[in-house]
Amino acid sequence: HIPLPPTGPVALSETDLRAMLDAFSDGIAWIDRSWAVVFLNSRAREIVSEAGDVLGKNHWECFPFMVYEGSPWVRHYHLAMDQGISSEFVEFYGEPLNIWVRVQVRPFQGGIIGFFRDVTAEKRLEEERNLYGKRLEQVLQATTDGVAYIDREWRITYLNQRAKEVLGASSDLIGKDHWEEFPAALDENAPF
């Protein structure tokens, strides 16, 4: 016989609550109305460890790199603190952390609570994909061959410059149905 968990509300001790919050893979930070850092779970402490001990200190003074013209940190944190509006953003945090973070910020007990995840590895992969994509585009545009890509629904999704020239494309064909644009291609005697 396996015991079932209790039903109904369960009173958690502070120790149990801290252990539960420490089990999250996201960092969790609670900031009070005076902008003091009230709580950090273990993942948050790990992520911001380079900033030193920030508990009880002013958030903006501990993380001055967040404050600049057009800062999403300032905008989103104030939206939650001043207007009670939850939001999410991804942003780079420079020295001393040097990480990209995905941040969800919500109003919480007269202050705000932030959930944040280090997404530096994801951003590096995205940057590499973009770089390889640009390089591939350069190669495809430099080749003397016409290159076209047609998806499974027969929509034209890519044409390099040479393909546009060969096809005599007078308008943008991207997104259009290959068979509708080139009905002669259905002719078994067509040269293509």
Protein backbone atom coordinates (compact mmCIF):
# COMPACT_ATOMS: atom_id res chain seq x y z
CA HIS A 1 0.00 0.00 0.00
CA ILE A 2 1.47 3.34 -1.15
CA PRO A 3 0.48 6.28 1.03
CA LEU A 4 -1.38 8.99 -0.85
CA PRO A 5 -0.40 12.62 -0.48
CA PRO A 6 -2.66 14.60 1.82
CA THR A 7 -5.63 16.29 0.24
CA GLY A 8 -6.58 19.88 0.82
CA PRO A 9 -4.34 22.75 1.87
CA VAL A 10 -0.98 21.82 3.33
CA ALA A 11 0.89 24.12 5.66
CA LEU A 12 4.53 24.29 4.55
CA SER A 13 7.27 25.24 6.91
CA GLU A 14 9.69 27.93 5.79
CA THR A 15 12.32 25.21 5.38
CA ASP A 16 10.01 23.16 3.14
CA LEU A 17 9.08 26.22 1.10
CA ARG A 18 12.75 27.17 0.60
CA ALA A 19 13.59 23.57 -0.39
CA MET A 20 10.73 23.60 -2.90
CA LEU A 21 11.86 26.91 -4.45
CA ASP A 22 15.46 25.68 -4.55
CA ALA A 23 14.29 22.70 -6.63
CA PHE A 24 13.40 24.99 -9.56
CA SER A 25 15.86 25.16 -12.46
CA ASP A 26 15.00 28.86 -12.92
CA GLY A 27 16.38 31.54 -10.69
CA ILE A 28 13.72 33.15 -8.49
CA ALA A 29 14.18 36.60 -6.95
CA TRP A 30 11.80 38.54 -4.76
CA ILE A 31 12.30 42.30 -4.61
CA ASP A 32 10.29 44.43 -2.19
CA ARG A 33 8.68 47.83 -2.76
CA SER A 34 11.88 49.64 -1.71
CA TRP A 35 13.81 47.62 -4.34
CA ALA A 36 15.61 45.54 -1.70
CA VAL A 37 16.41 41.95 -2.72
CA VAL A 38 14.39 39.92 -0.19
CA PHE A 39 14.88 36.36 -1.48
CA LEU A 40 16.94 34.39 -3.98
CA ASN A 41 16.56 30.67 -4.52
CA SER A 42 19.72 28.60 -4.95
CA ARG A 43 19.69 28.87 -8.78
CA ALA A 44 19.36 32.67 -8.57
CA ARG A 45 22.25 32.83 -6.09
CA GLU A 46 24.31 30.71 -8.50
CA ILE A 47 23.49 32.90 -11.52
CA VAL A 48 24.25 36.21 -9.76
CA SER A 49 27.15 34.91 -7.65
CA GLU A 50 29.63 37.18 -9.48
CA ALA A 51 27.71 40.19 -8.13
CA GLY A 52 28.41 39.10 -4.54
CA ASP A 53 25.95 38.96 -1.67
CA VAL A 54 22.91 40.97 -2.74
CA LEU A 55 20.32 39.93 -0.13
CA GLY A 56 18.91 42.93 1.71
CA LYS A 57 20.61 45.35 -0.68
CA ASN A 58 19.13 47.67 -3.30
CA HIS A 59 18.61 45.75 -6.51
CA TRP A 60 19.58 48.65 -8.80
CA GLU A 61 22.79 49.31 -6.84
CA CYS A 62 23.75 45.62 -6.99
CA PHE A 63 23.07 45.43 -10.72
CA PRO A 64 23.93 48.86 -12.17
CA PHE A 65 24.40 47.43 -15.68
CA MET A 66 20.61 47.06 -15.88
CA VAL A 67 20.07 50.81 -15.75
CA TYR A 68 20.47 52.58 -19.09
CA GLU A 69 18.38 54.47 -21.64
CA GLY A 70 15.64 52.18 -22.98
CA SER A 71 16.52 49.39 -20.54
CA PRO A 72 14.03 46.50 -20.64
CA TRP A 73 15.03 45.73 -17.05
CA VAL A 74 13.87 49.13 -15.83
CA ARG A 75 10.75 49.15 -18.04
CA HIS A 76 9.54 45.64 -17.16
CA TYR A 77 10.43 45.80 -13.46
CA HIS A 78 8.60 49.12 -13.10
CA LEU A 79 5.59 47.80 -15.05
CA ALA A 80 5.27 45.03 -12.48
CA MET A 81 6.11 47.17 -9.44
CA ASP A 82 4.15 50.32 -10.30
CA GLN A 83 1.28 49.06 -12.47
CA GLY A 84 0.92 45.41 -11.49
CA ILE A 85 1.58 44.21 -15.06
CA SER A 86 3.41 40.91 -15.63
CA SER A 87 5.82 40.67 -18.54
CA GLU A 88 8.67 38.70 -20.07
CA PHE A 89 11.83 39.61 -21.98
CA VAL A 90 15.25 38.28 -23.00
CA GLU A 91 18.27 40.51 -22.47
CA PHE A 92 22.04 40.44 -22.09
CA TYR A 93 23.52 41.32 -18.71
CA GLY A 94 27.14 42.45 -18.96
CA GLU A 95 29.84 42.64 -16.31
CA PRO A 96 30.24 40.91 -14.00
CA LEU A 97 27.72 38.25 -15.14
CA ASN A 98 28.11 38.31 -18.95
CA ILE A 99 25.02 36.20 -19.60
CA TRP A 100 21.80 36.28 -21.60
CA VAL A 101 18.73 35.77 -19.44
CA ARG A 102 15.05 35.14 -20.11
CA VAL A 103 13.16 37.04 -17.42
CA GLN A 104 9.54 36.77 -16.34
CA VAL A 105 8.58 39.46 -13.84
CA ARG A 106 5.32 39.63 -11.92
CA PRO A 107 3.82 41.72 -9.13
CA PHE A 108 4.11 39.88 -5.81
CA GLN A 109 3.15 40.86 -2.24
CA GLY A 110 3.78 44.58 -2.56
CA GLY A 111 6.90 44.06 -4.64
CA ILE A 112 7.89 41.92 -7.60
CA ILE A 113 9.07 38.39 -8.19
CA GLY A 114 11.32 37.55 -11.09
CA PHE A 115 11.92 34.17 -12.65
CA PHE A 116 15.05 34.07 -14.76
CA ARG A 117 16.95 31.51 -16.75
CA ASP A 118 20.44 31.66 -18.21
CA VAL A 119 19.89 31.30 -21.98
CA THR A 120 23.46 32.14 -23.02
CA ALA A 121 24.02 28.77 -24.70
CA GLU A 122 20.75 29.13 -26.65
CA LYS A 123 21.68 32.64 -27.78
CA ARG A 124 25.14 31.46 -28.94
CA LEU A 125 23.52 28.70 -31.00
CA GLU A 126 21.08 31.22 -32.47
CA GLU A 127 23.97 33.54 -33.38
CA GLU A 128 25.85 30.64 -35.00
CA ARG A 129 22.75 29.64 -37.00
CA ASN A 130 22.34 33.23 -38.17
CA LEU A 131 26.01 33.42 -39.16
CA TYR A 132 25.82 30.15 -41.10
CA GLY A 133 22.58 31.30 -42.69
CA LYS A 134 24.23 34.53 -43.87
CA ARG A 135 27.21 32.60 -45.23
CA LEU A 136 24.92 30.17 -47.05
CA GLU A 137 22.96 33.08 -48.51
CA GLN A 138 26.22 34.64 -49.76
CA VAL A 139 27.23 31.36 -51.43
CA LEU A 140 23.79 30.88 -53.00
CA GLN A 141 23.77 34.41 -54.34
CA ALA A 142 27.33 34.11 -55.73
CA THR A 143 26.74 30.86 -57.62
CA THR A 144 25.96 30.96 -61.33
CA ASP A 145 23.34 28.22 -60.85
CA GLY A 146 19.72 28.98 -60.22
CA VAL A 147 18.69 27.69 -56.79
CA ALA A 148 15.08 27.34 -55.69
CA TYR A 149 13.46 25.72 -52.70
CA ILE A 150 9.89 24.48 -52.81
CA ASP A 151 8.21 23.14 -49.67
CA ARG A 152 5.93 20.11 -49.37
CA GLU A 153 2.86 22.17 -50.27
CA TRP A 154 4.61 23.26 -53.48
CA ARG A 155 5.07 26.83 -52.22
CA ILE A 156 8.20 28.60 -53.38
CA THR A 157 10.18 29.48 -50.26
CA TYR A 158 13.52 30.56 -51.75
CA LEU A 159 14.97 31.78 -55.04
CA ASN A 160 18.49 33.05 -55.47
CA GLN A 161 19.13 35.89 -57.90
CA ARG A 162 20.11 33.56 -60.73
CA ALA A 163 16.90 31.52 -60.32
CA LYS A 164 14.87 34.73 -60.57
CA GLU A 165 16.73 35.62 -63.77
CA VAL A 166 16.30 32.14 -65.31
CA LEU A 167 12.61 32.02 -64.43
CA GLY A 168 12.05 35.58 -65.61
CA ALA A 169 10.34 36.38 -62.33
CA SER A 170 8.65 39.74 -62.74
CA SER A 171 7.20 39.69 -59.21
CA ASP A 172 8.02 38.20 -55.86
CA LEU A 173 7.31 34.47 -56.06
CA ILE A 174 8.07 33.67 -52.44
CA GLY A 175 5.06 32.02 -50.80
CA LYS A 176 3.29 31.39 -54.10
CA ASP A 177 2.26 27.97 -55.42
CA HIS A 178 4.83 26.60 -57.90
CA TRP A 179 2.17 24.95 -60.10
CA GLU A 180 0.03 28.08 -60.27
CA GLU A 181 2.98 30.27 -61.20
CA PHE A 182 4.46 27.80 -63.71
CA PRO A 183 1.60 25.72 -65.13
CA ALA A 184 3.73 24.78 -68.15
CA ALA A 185 5.87 22.70 -65.79
CA LEU A 186 3.01 20.16 -65.80
CA ASP A 187 3.61 19.54 -69.52
CA GLU A 188 5.66 16.37 -69.89
CA ASN A 189 7.54 17.98 -72.80
CA ALA A 190 8.56 21.02 -70.72
CA PRO A 191 12.35 21.63 -70.66
CA PHE A 192 12.38 21.76 -66.85
